[in-house]
Amino acid sequence: MKQHTLKSSVQLSGIGLHTGKMVSMKLCPAPINHGFKFKRIDLEGEPVINADADSVSSTQRGTTIRYGDAQVSTVEHTLSAFIGANLDNVLVEIDGPEAPILDGSAIQIIKKIQEVGTEEQEADREYFEIEEPISYKDELTGSELLALPADDYQVTTLIDFSSPVLGQQYASLDNIAEYSKEIAPCRTFVFLHELEKLLSLNLIKGGDLDNAIVIVDRIMGQHDLDRLAEKLNKPSIKVEQEGILNTTDLHFSNEPARHKLLDVIGDMALVGKHIKGKIVATKPGHTVNVQFAKKLKKLYKAQRKLRGKPKYDPDVEPLYGLEDIKATLPHRYPFLLVDKIIELSEHHVVGIKNVTFNELFFQGHFPGNPVMPGVLQIEAMAQTGGILALNTVPDPENWDTYFMKIVNAKFKNKVVPGDSLILKMELISPVRRGIFHMLGTAYVGNKIVSEAEMIAQIVKRENT
């Protein structure tokens, strides 16, 4: 599947649910690998905020993302529509601190996208594939989300508000292609008895019966209703029975559960990649949704690193054996820490270090508990990177590689005798004046044991 963006820009305007302020939002095409971003065009410098789980600053009755002093709240419906419309790259230009609530659903956004259409881009879409069950549970609320392996993106929600009107509800989307019809029209909802508390929290200033389903599950006195109407700056109403306050019918009998599903899709967009798997959400809410999205994003980053893990078959003849390495690198026993080179290109190199108990450093690190020092793992990566660097000159025996900087070094798992270290070094940026900026990753089996960024320079030896 290729990445997709909008064919042209499209404009929407409306009131913010919580701020009560009018706002305009322009959805613009974006280049490949751009993702979803919001630009505050009303602020100095027009700051851009990534729609990313790590950018979330609040989940109080909606999802708010922030960068510095700039923020945009209630982004979940917009992001949900982007996923439902099969988009990957969109820039949202917005002139206020909150996305417009519109009718409380995502259908108006979907219709605007359908008006201009989407277009395929040249780059392939990168998925986060759920390979094994992943769960997150909030013990305090009982909310739980579960991700399961599946061939397509599927979402199921179960809600239970212990309400005589709402009760338990279930909704499921088995094919994202059905989003526009089955999920997008489903509006947000609120209980009548919650309204006064929400107002006291400085929320729902833009709420009315045109953009939310109001559920009456307990009868309020007329005096309380009149006071509430005054606070909302709306005409007072009479409530004589439990049920749905709106004069219009529900779009679906389980519309609240479907709207929760809409929210889950929007919050899961904060993972930053389309998901290939099934999400099962029990009693979801923005707080637990975002926490789960953060967990998924972290696992995706680990998966992405392992996706680039080289395949090592010891039966295949290496590109460089030990004698070839000695002809290129100046290192010798006990400091030569690369045994084989199995891959080599202009942009990357992969080496192998077979760790044995006979390594000199195991005598003192540590007696009875042999562990390869992390600094020597870095050195093994550095020597592997030296092969890549020296491969750029015709006479490598006359050059040396000197490392200038090592940053972001992380040690994640122990390396012990019997392990085979797979050492991968990749260029991060083009080579300039003999300076190499490389990302190093060391693997043992399916585990990343260490990683670091390194900057090195090759220098020709002086005649002696």
Protein backbone atom coordinates (compact mmCIF):
# COMPACT_ATOMS: atom_id res chain seq x y z
CA MET A 1 0.00 0.00 0.00
CA LYS A 2 1.29 3.44 -0.95
CA GLN A 3 1.03 6.56 1.20
CA HIS A 4 -1.87 8.95 0.49
CA THR A 5 -2.58 12.64 0.88
CA LEU A 6 -5.31 15.07 -0.20
CA LYS A 7 -5.60 16.10 -3.85
CA SER A 8 -6.15 19.71 -2.79
CA SER A 9 -6.86 21.82 0.28
CA VAL A 10 -10.25 21.97 1.95
CA GLN A 11 -11.68 24.40 4.53
CA LEU A 12 -13.91 23.82 7.58
CA SER A 13 -15.15 26.28 10.19
CA GLY A 14 -17.10 25.97 13.40
CA ILE A 15 -17.15 26.51 17.13
CA GLY A 16 -14.79 24.85 19.59
CA LEU A 17 -16.65 22.55 21.98
CA HIS A 18 -14.76 23.63 25.09
CA THR A 19 -13.46 27.11 24.23
CA GLY A 20 -16.72 28.27 22.61
CA LYS A 21 -14.63 30.21 20.06
CA MET A 22 -15.11 30.20 16.29
CA VAL A 23 -12.21 28.59 14.47
CA SER A 24 -11.26 27.86 10.86
CA MET A 25 -9.35 24.75 9.89
CA LYS A 26 -7.71 24.15 6.51
CA LEU A 27 -6.70 20.61 5.57
CA CYS A 28 -3.73 20.72 3.19
CA PRO A 29 -1.85 18.10 1.14
CA ALA A 30 1.52 17.15 2.60
CA PRO A 31 4.62 15.37 1.26
CA ILE A 32 5.57 11.75 1.89
CA ASN A 33 6.53 10.78 5.46
CA HIS A 34 5.07 14.06 6.75
CA GLY A 35 2.41 12.45 8.90
CA PHE A 36 -0.34 14.49 10.55
CA LYS A 37 0.61 17.94 11.85
CA PHE A 38 -1.26 21.02 13.08
CA LYS A 39 0.02 24.54 12.32
CA ARG A 40 -1.22 27.41 14.51
CA ILE A 41 -1.36 30.14 11.85
CA ASP A 42 -2.75 32.66 14.37
CA LEU A 43 0.43 32.59 16.48
CA GLU A 44 3.76 34.27 15.88
CA GLY A 45 6.09 32.01 13.94
CA GLU A 46 3.18 29.71 13.02
CA PRO A 47 4.41 26.82 15.21
CA VAL A 48 3.76 23.27 14.00
CA ILE A 49 2.63 20.54 16.39
CA ASN A 50 3.11 16.87 15.58
CA ALA A 51 0.02 14.73 16.08
CA ASP A 52 2.00 12.34 18.21
CA ALA A 53 1.40 10.49 21.48
CA ASP A 54 4.43 12.19 23.02
CA SER A 55 2.95 15.62 22.19
CA VAL A 56 -0.22 15.06 24.24
CA SER A 57 -0.50 17.53 27.12
CA SER A 58 -4.06 16.87 28.33
CA THR A 59 -6.82 14.30 27.99
CA GLN A 60 -9.55 16.14 29.88
CA ARG A 61 -12.74 15.47 27.87
CA GLY A 62 -10.67 15.41 24.67
CA THR A 63 -7.13 15.05 23.41
CA THR A 64 -4.83 18.09 23.42
CA ILE A 65 -1.44 18.22 21.71
CA ARG A 66 1.20 20.84 22.48
CA TYR A 67 4.55 22.12 21.28
CA GLY A 68 6.07 24.83 23.44
CA ASP A 69 3.36 27.38 24.17
CA ALA A 70 1.23 26.31 21.18
CA GLN A 71 -1.53 23.78 21.57
CA VAL A 72 -4.55 22.38 19.75
CA SER A 73 -7.27 20.56 21.67
CA THR A 74 -10.04 18.15 20.66
CA VAL A 75 -7.98 16.75 17.78
CA GLU A 76 -9.34 13.20 18.04
CA HIS A 77 -12.25 13.57 15.56
CA THR A 78 -10.02 15.12 12.91
CA LEU A 79 -7.36 12.43 13.29
CA SER A 80 -10.01 9.72 13.27
CA ALA A 81 -11.34 11.04 9.96
CA PHE A 82 -7.83 10.99 8.46
CA ILE A 83 -7.41 7.32 9.31
CA GLY A 84 -10.93 6.53 8.13
CA ALA A 85 -10.18 8.29 4.82
CA ASN A 86 -6.98 6.24 4.37
CA LEU A 87 -4.66 9.24 4.62
CA ASP A 88 -1.03 9.35 5.74
CA ASN A 89 0.12 12.94 5.26
CA VAL A 90 -1.93 16.05 6.06
CA LEU A 91 -1.04 19.52 7.33
CA VAL A 92 -3.85 21.17 9.30
CA GLU A 93 -3.66 24.97 9.32
CA ILE A 94 -5.79 26.22 12.21
CA ASP A 95 -6.39 29.73 13.56
CA GLY A 96 -7.36 28.84 17.10
CA PRO A 97 -6.53 26.59 20.08
CA GLU A 98 -9.23 23.98 19.42
CA ALA A 99 -10.48 22.04 16.42
CA PRO A 100 -14.12 22.80 15.56
CA ILE A 101 -16.61 20.33 17.02
CA LEU A 102 -18.91 20.64 13.95
CA ASP A 103 -21.84 18.27 14.63
CA GLY A 104 -19.92 16.26 17.23
CA SER A 105 -18.88 13.56 14.77
CA ALA A 106 -16.36 13.15 11.93
CA ILE A 107 -18.83 13.04 9.05
CA GLN A 108 -18.39 16.65 7.91
CA ILE A 109 -14.62 16.20 7.76
CA ILE A 110 -15.06 12.97 5.79
CA LYS A 111 -17.42 14.66 3.33
CA LYS A 112 -14.98 17.52 2.74
CA ILE A 113 -12.19 15.01 2.10
CA GLN A 114 -14.42 13.09 -0.30
CA GLU A 115 -15.19 16.32 -2.18
CA VAL A 116 -11.54 16.90 -3.11
CA GLY A 117 -10.46 13.26 -3.11
CA THR A 118 -7.16 11.66 -2.13
CA GLU A 119 -4.12 10.76 -4.18
CA GLU A 120 -1.50 8.07 -4.02
CA GLN A 121 2.08 9.08 -3.29
CA GLU A 122 5.32 7.46 -4.40
CA ALA A 123 6.47 6.09 -1.02
CA ASP A 124 5.20 2.84 0.52
CA ARG A 125 3.15 3.02 3.70
CA GLU A 126 4.90 1.66 6.77
CA TYR A 127 2.58 -0.22 9.15
CA PHE A 128 2.84 -1.06 12.79
CA GLU A 129 2.03 -4.76 12.67
CA ILE A 130 0.71 -6.29 15.87
CA GLU A 131 2.69 -9.53 16.15
CA GLU A 132 1.59 -10.65 19.61
CA PRO A 133 -1.05 -9.59 22.15
CA ILE A 134 -0.38 -6.19 23.77
CA SER A 135 -2.49 -4.94 26.67
CA TYR A 136 -2.89 -1.92 28.91
CA LYS A 137 -5.21 -1.66 31.91
CA ASP A 138 -6.11 1.20 34.25
CA GLU A 139 -6.74 -0.55 37.55
CA LEU A 140 -8.52 2.49 39.00
CA THR A 141 -11.19 2.79 36.28
CA GLY A 142 -11.20 -0.76 34.94
CA SER A 143 -10.57 0.55 31.43
CA GLU A 144 -8.58 -1.86 29.30
CA LEU A 145 -7.22 -1.91 25.75
CA LEU A 146 -5.89 -4.93 23.94
CA ALA A 147 -4.13 -5.18 20.56
CA LEU A 148 -4.23 -8.52 18.75
CA PRO A 149 -2.66 -9.75 15.50
CA ALA A 150 -4.93 -9.36 12.45
CA ASP A 151 -4.49 -8.94 8.71
CA ASP A 152 -6.35 -5.60 8.65
CA TYR A 153 -7.15 -2.74 11.01
CA GLN A 154 -10.14 -3.67 13.17
CA VAL A 155 -11.57 -1.98 16.27
CA THR A 156 -14.09 -3.13 18.86
CA THR A 157 -15.41 -1.11 21.79
CA LEU A 158 -17.45 -2.07 24.84
CA ILE A 159 -18.84 0.66 27.10
CA ASP A 160 -20.65 0.38 30.42
CA PHE A 161 -21.73 3.52 32.29
CA SER A 162 -24.05 1.72 34.74
CA SER A 163 -26.76 3.97 33.35
CA PRO A 164 -30.43 2.93 33.08
CA VAL A 165 -30.53 4.70 29.70
CA LEU A 166 -27.16 3.84 28.20
CA GLY A 167 -26.31 0.57 29.89
CA GLN A 168 -23.79 -1.67 28.15
CA GLN A 169 -23.12 -1.09 24.47
CA TYR A 170 -20.90 -2.81 21.95
CA ALA A 171 -19.61 -1.64 18.57
CA SER A 172 -17.23 -3.16 16.05
CA LEU A 173 -15.54 -2.10 12.81
CA ASP A 174 -14.04 -5.02 10.90
CA ASN A 175 -13.09 -3.11 7.76
CA ILE A 176 -11.77 0.46 7.78
CA ALA A 177 -13.42 0.96 4.37
CA GLU A 178 -16.76 0.99 6.24
CA TYR A 179 -15.69 3.88 8.49
CA SER A 180 -17.42 6.64 6.50
CA LYS A 181 -20.78 4.89 6.66
CA GLU A 182 -20.70 3.12 10.01
CA ILE A 183 -18.57 5.29 12.31
CA ALA A 184 -18.06 8.82 10.95
CA PRO A 185 -21.68 10.01 11.57
CA CYS A 186 -21.63 9.05 15.27
CA ARG A 187 -21.75 12.05 17.59
CA THR A 188 -20.18 12.71 20.96
CA PHE A 189 -22.42 12.35 24.01
CA VAL A 190 -22.71 13.67 27.54
CA PHE A 191 -24.93 13.03 30.54
CA LEU A 192 -27.22 15.89 31.56
CA HIS A 193 -26.14 15.69 35.21
CA GLU A 194 -22.47 16.16 34.15
CA LEU A 195 -23.01 19.51 32.46
CA GLU A 196 -22.77 21.75 35.52
CA LYS A 197 -19.51 20.11 36.63
CA LEU A 198 -18.04 20.46 33.14
CA LEU A 199 -18.96 24.13 33.10
CA SER A 200 -17.26 24.60 36.46
CA LEU A 201 -14.09 23.16 34.87
CA ASN A 202 -14.29 25.85 32.17
CA LEU A 203 -15.31 23.28 29.53
CA ILE A 204 -18.14 22.81 26.96
CA LYS A 205 -18.61 26.54 26.36
CA GLY A 206 -19.52 25.70 22.75
CA GLY A 207 -21.75 22.72 23.51
CA ASP A 208 -25.39 22.53 22.47
CA LEU A 209 -27.94 20.05 21.17
CA ASP A 210 -26.58 20.47 17.64
CA ASN A 211 -23.18 19.00 18.42
CA ALA A 212 -23.76 16.45 21.18
CA ILE A 213 -26.19 13.76 22.29
CA VAL A 214 -27.42 14.65 25.78
CA ILE A 215 -28.46 11.63 27.85
CA VAL A 216 -30.90 12.01 30.73
CA ASP A 217 -30.41 9.15 33.18
CA ARG A 218 -31.61 11.02 36.25
CA ILE A 219 -34.34 13.65 36.48
CA MET A 220 -33.22 17.15 37.50
CA GLY A 221 -35.47 19.71 39.18
CA GLN A 222 -36.67 22.66 37.07
CA HIS A 223 -34.76 25.11 39.25
CA ASP A 224 -31.51 23.24 38.51
CA LEU A 225 -32.36 23.08 34.80
CA ASP A 226 -33.04 26.84 34.70
CA ARG A 227 -29.71 27.56 36.42
CA LEU A 228 -27.90 25.25 34.01
CA ALA A 229 -29.54 26.90 30.99
CA GLU A 230 -28.46 30.31 32.27
CA LYS A 231 -24.85 29.13 32.61
CA LEU A 232 -24.95 27.69 29.10
CA ASN A 233 -26.60 30.86 27.79
CA LYS A 234 -29.32 28.66 26.27
CA PRO A 235 -33.12 28.60 26.58
CA SER A 236 -34.33 26.57 29.50
CA ILE A 237 -35.95 23.18 28.87
CA LYS A 238 -38.23 20.76 30.70
CA VAL A 239 -37.11 17.20 31.36
CA GLU A 240 -39.92 14.87 32.40
CA GLN A 241 -38.44 11.46 31.66
CA GLU A 242 -35.18 9.58 31.20
CA GLY A 243 -33.83 9.09 27.71
CA ILE A 244 -32.20 11.10 24.91
CA LEU A 245 -32.73 14.83 25.25
CA ASN A 246 -32.18 15.66 21.59
CA THR A 247 -35.20 16.10 19.38
CA THR A 248 -33.56 14.10 16.59
CA ASP A 249 -33.24 10.33 16.61
CA LEU A 250 -30.01 8.47 17.17
CA HIS A 251 -28.21 7.53 13.96
CA PHE A 252 -27.66 4.05 15.39
CA SER A 253 -29.07 2.34 18.45
CA ASN A 254 -25.49 1.99 19.75
CA GLU A 255 -24.30 5.41 18.59
CA PRO A 256 -22.45 6.18 21.87
CA ALA A 257 -20.40 2.96 21.57
CA ARG A 258 -19.68 3.79 17.93
CA HIS A 259 -18.54 7.27 18.88
CA LYS A 260 -16.19 5.77 21.44
CA LEU A 261 -14.84 3.64 18.60
CA LEU A 262 -14.37 6.83 16.55
CA ASP A 263 -12.40 8.32 19.45
CA VAL A 264 -10.24 5.20 19.80
CA ILE A 265 -9.28 5.39 16.12
CA GLY A 266 -8.43 9.08 16.51
CA ASP A 267 -6.29 8.54 19.59
CA MET A 268 -4.56 5.50 18.05
CA ALA A 269 -3.54 7.76 15.14
CA LEU A 270 -1.11 9.27 17.66
CA VAL A 271 1.02 6.13 17.29
CA GLY A 272 2.18 7.79 14.06
CA LYS A 273 1.60 4.81 11.77
CA HIS A 274 -1.37 2.92 10.40
CA ILE A 275 -2.00 -0.17 12.50
CA LYS A 276 -2.32 -3.68 11.13
CA GLY A 277 -4.10 -5.48 13.94
CA LYS A 278 -7.27 -5.56 16.05
CA ILE A 279 -7.85 -3.12 18.92
CA VAL A 280 -10.32 -4.21 21.60
CA ALA A 281 -11.24 -1.39 23.99
CA THR A 282 -13.28 -1.92 27.15
CA LYS A 283 -14.54 1.28 28.78
CA PRO A 284 -12.19 3.44 26.67
CA GLY A 285 -11.50 7.10 27.36
CA HIS A 286 -8.95 9.59 26.11
CA THR A 287 -6.58 9.11 29.06
CA VAL A 288 -6.31 5.34 28.73
CA ASN A 289 -6.37 5.59 24.92
CA VAL A 290 -3.35 7.90 24.89
CA GLN A 291 -1.46 5.79 27.41
CA PHE A 292 -2.02 2.78 25.17
CA ALA A 293 -0.97 4.78 22.09
CA LYS A 294 2.28 5.70 23.88
CA LYS A 295 2.91 2.04 24.64
CA LEU A 296 2.21 1.03 21.04
CA LYS A 297 4.49 3.79 19.72
CA LYS A 298 7.33 2.59 21.93
CA LEU A 299 6.84 -0.99 20.77
CA TYR A 300 6.64 0.15 17.14
CA LYS A 301 9.99 1.90 17.44
CA ALA A 302 11.53 -1.28 18.86
CA GLN A 303 9.88 -3.35 16.12
CA ARG A 304 11.14 -0.97 13.46
CA LYS A 305 14.68 -1.33 14.71
CA LEU A 306 14.40 -5.12 14.70
CA ARG A 307 12.88 -4.96 11.23
CA GLY A 308 16.24 -3.68 10.08
CA LYS A 309 18.10 -6.47 11.86
CA PRO A 310 20.45 -8.21 9.41
CA LYS A 311 20.09 -11.91 8.73
CA TYR A 312 23.17 -13.87 9.71
CA ASP A 313 23.71 -17.36 8.31
CA PRO A 314 27.06 -18.78 9.52
CA ASP A 315 27.03 -21.23 6.60
CA VAL A 316 27.30 -18.37 4.08
CA GLU A 317 30.81 -17.24 3.13
CA PRO A 318 31.47 -13.76 4.60
CA LEU A 319 32.49 -10.81 2.43
CA TYR A 320 35.52 -10.22 4.69
CA GLY A 321 37.16 -12.91 6.78
CA LEU A 322 39.49 -12.22 9.67
CA GLU A 323 42.58 -11.80 7.47
CA ASP A 324 40.72 -9.36 5.19
CA ILE A 325 39.71 -7.31 8.24
CA LYS A 326 43.33 -7.28 9.49
CA ALA A 327 44.42 -5.98 6.08
CA THR A 328 42.06 -2.99 6.51
CA LEU A 329 42.03 -2.22 10.23
CA PRO A 330 45.17 -1.62 12.32
CA HIS A 331 43.68 -3.35 15.40
CA ARG A 332 45.22 -6.60 16.69
CA TYR A 333 44.73 -9.01 19.59
CA PRO A 334 43.42 -8.43 22.17
CA PHE A 335 41.67 -5.39 20.71
CA LEU A 336 40.39 -6.62 17.35
CA LEU A 337 36.66 -7.04 18.00
CA VAL A 338 35.28 -7.92 14.55
CA ASP A 339 35.51 -11.47 13.15
CA LYS A 340 33.52 -11.17 9.89
CA ILE A 341 31.90 -8.66 7.57
CA ILE A 342 28.72 -10.11 6.05
CA GLU A 343 27.23 -7.00 4.37
CA LEU A 344 28.86 -3.91 2.89
CA SER A 345 27.45 -1.12 0.73
CA GLU A 346 28.04 2.61 0.26
CA HIS A 347 25.63 3.32 3.13
CA HIS A 348 25.95 0.48 5.64
CA VAL A 349 28.07 -2.39 6.92
CA VAL A 350 27.31 -5.46 9.05
CA GLY A 351 29.93 -7.24 11.09
CA ILE A 352 29.98 -10.28 13.40
CA LYS A 353 31.78 -10.67 16.72
CA ASN A 354 31.66 -14.15 18.24
CA VAL A 355 32.04 -13.64 21.99
CA THR A 356 33.90 -16.45 23.79
CA PHE A 357 34.95 -17.05 27.36
CA ASN A 358 38.58 -16.69 26.25
CA GLU A 359 38.20 -12.91 25.76
CA LEU A 360 40.87 -11.24 27.87
CA PHE A 361 38.44 -8.81 29.50
CA PHE A 362 36.37 -11.60 31.04
CA GLN A 363 39.18 -12.28 33.52
CA GLY A 364 38.20 -9.18 35.46
CA HIS A 365 34.69 -8.30 34.17
CA PHE A 366 33.47 -10.05 36.22
CA PRO A 367 34.86 -13.16 37.97
CA GLY A 368 32.02 -15.66 38.20
CA ASN A 369 29.73 -13.38 36.19
CA PRO A 370 31.29 -12.72 32.77
CA VAL A 371 29.68 -9.72 31.04
CA MET A 372 31.07 -7.93 27.97
CA PRO A 373 31.66 -4.26 28.88
CA GLY A 374 29.33 -1.83 27.10
CA VAL A 375 32.28 0.32 26.02
CA LEU A 376 33.71 -2.67 24.18
CA GLN A 377 30.40 -3.23 22.42
CA ILE A 378 30.69 0.38 21.25
CA GLU A 379 34.29 -0.31 20.19
CA ALA A 380 33.16 -3.37 18.20
CA MET A 381 30.58 -1.20 16.41
CA ALA A 382 33.22 1.48 15.86
CA GLN A 383 35.62 -1.01 14.25
CA THR A 384 32.80 -2.26 12.02
CA GLY A 385 32.08 1.34 11.04
CA GLY A 386 35.77 1.75 10.30
CA ILE A 387 35.44 -0.89 7.57
CA LEU A 388 32.65 1.20 6.00
CA ALA A 389 34.70 4.38 6.23
CA LEU A 390 37.94 2.90 4.88
CA ASN A 391 36.07 1.25 2.03
CA THR A 392 35.70 4.76 0.52
CA VAL A 393 39.45 5.10 -0.22
CA PRO A 394 41.55 3.01 -2.67
CA ASP A 395 44.40 2.40 -0.19
CA PRO A 396 42.77 1.75 3.22
CA GLU A 397 46.04 0.42 4.64
CA ASN A 398 47.35 4.01 4.56
CA TRP A 399 44.45 5.52 6.48
CA ASP A 400 43.15 5.38 10.04
CA THR A 401 39.70 6.05 11.45
CA TYR A 402 39.40 8.31 14.49
CA PHE A 403 36.13 8.67 16.35
CA MET A 404 35.26 12.25 17.19
CA LYS A 405 31.98 11.87 19.02
CA ILE A 406 29.70 9.20 20.49
CA VAL A 407 26.18 10.23 21.58
CA ASN A 408 22.91 8.62 22.66
CA ALA A 409 24.63 5.38 23.68
CA LYS A 410 22.20 2.92 25.25
CA PHE A 411 22.84 -0.52 26.70
CA LYS A 412 19.72 -2.64 26.80
CA ASN A 413 20.75 -6.26 27.36
CA LYS A 414 23.80 -8.15 28.62
CA VAL A 415 26.31 -9.77 26.26
CA VAL A 416 27.85 -12.96 27.65
CA PRO A 417 30.15 -15.74 26.44
CA GLY A 418 28.57 -17.77 23.63
CA ASP A 419 26.72 -14.79 22.12
CA SER A 420 27.17 -13.79 18.50
CA LEU A 421 27.06 -10.00 18.21
CA ILE A 422 25.58 -8.70 14.97
CA LEU A 423 26.99 -5.19 14.47
CA LYS A 424 25.15 -2.88 12.07
CA MET A 425 26.42 0.58 11.14
CA GLU A 426 24.39 2.91 8.91
CA LEU A 427 25.20 6.34 7.51
CA ILE A 428 22.84 8.98 8.93
CA SER A 429 23.99 11.76 6.62
CA PRO A 430 26.17 12.05 3.49
CA VAL A 431 29.94 11.89 3.95
CA ARG A 432 31.60 15.33 3.95
CA ARG A 433 35.38 15.93 4.10
CA GLY A 434 35.97 12.40 5.26
CA ILE A 435 33.55 12.74 8.20
CA PHE A 436 31.10 9.88 8.77
CA HIS A 437 27.93 10.22 10.90
CA MET A 438 26.70 6.71 11.64
CA LEU A 439 24.02 4.93 13.66
CA GLY A 440 25.24 1.76 15.29
CA THR A 441 23.04 -1.07 16.52
CA ALA A 442 24.23 -4.32 18.09
CA TYR A 443 21.97 -7.37 18.19
CA VAL A 444 22.06 -10.75 19.88
CA GLY A 445 19.33 -12.95 18.46
CA ASN A 446 16.16 -10.86 18.34
CA LYS A 447 17.31 -8.45 21.03
CA ILE A 448 18.97 -5.08 20.62
CA VAL A 449 21.79 -5.12 23.17
CA SER A 450 23.28 -1.67 22.52
CA GLU A 451 23.07 1.30 20.18
CA ALA A 452 24.75 4.65 19.66
CA GLU A 453 25.37 7.45 17.18
CA MET A 454 28.98 7.96 16.20
CA ILE A 455 30.92 10.57 14.25
CA ALA A 456 34.29 9.56 12.83
CA GLN A 457 36.87 10.93 10.42
CA ILE A 458 39.37 9.08 8.27
CA VAL A 459 42.88 10.53 8.32
CA LYS A 460 45.79 9.57 6.09
CA ARG A 461 48.82 8.33 7.95
CA GLU A 462 51.92 10.47 7.86
CA ASN A 463 55.09 8.90 6.48
CA THR A 464 57.47 7.81 9.25
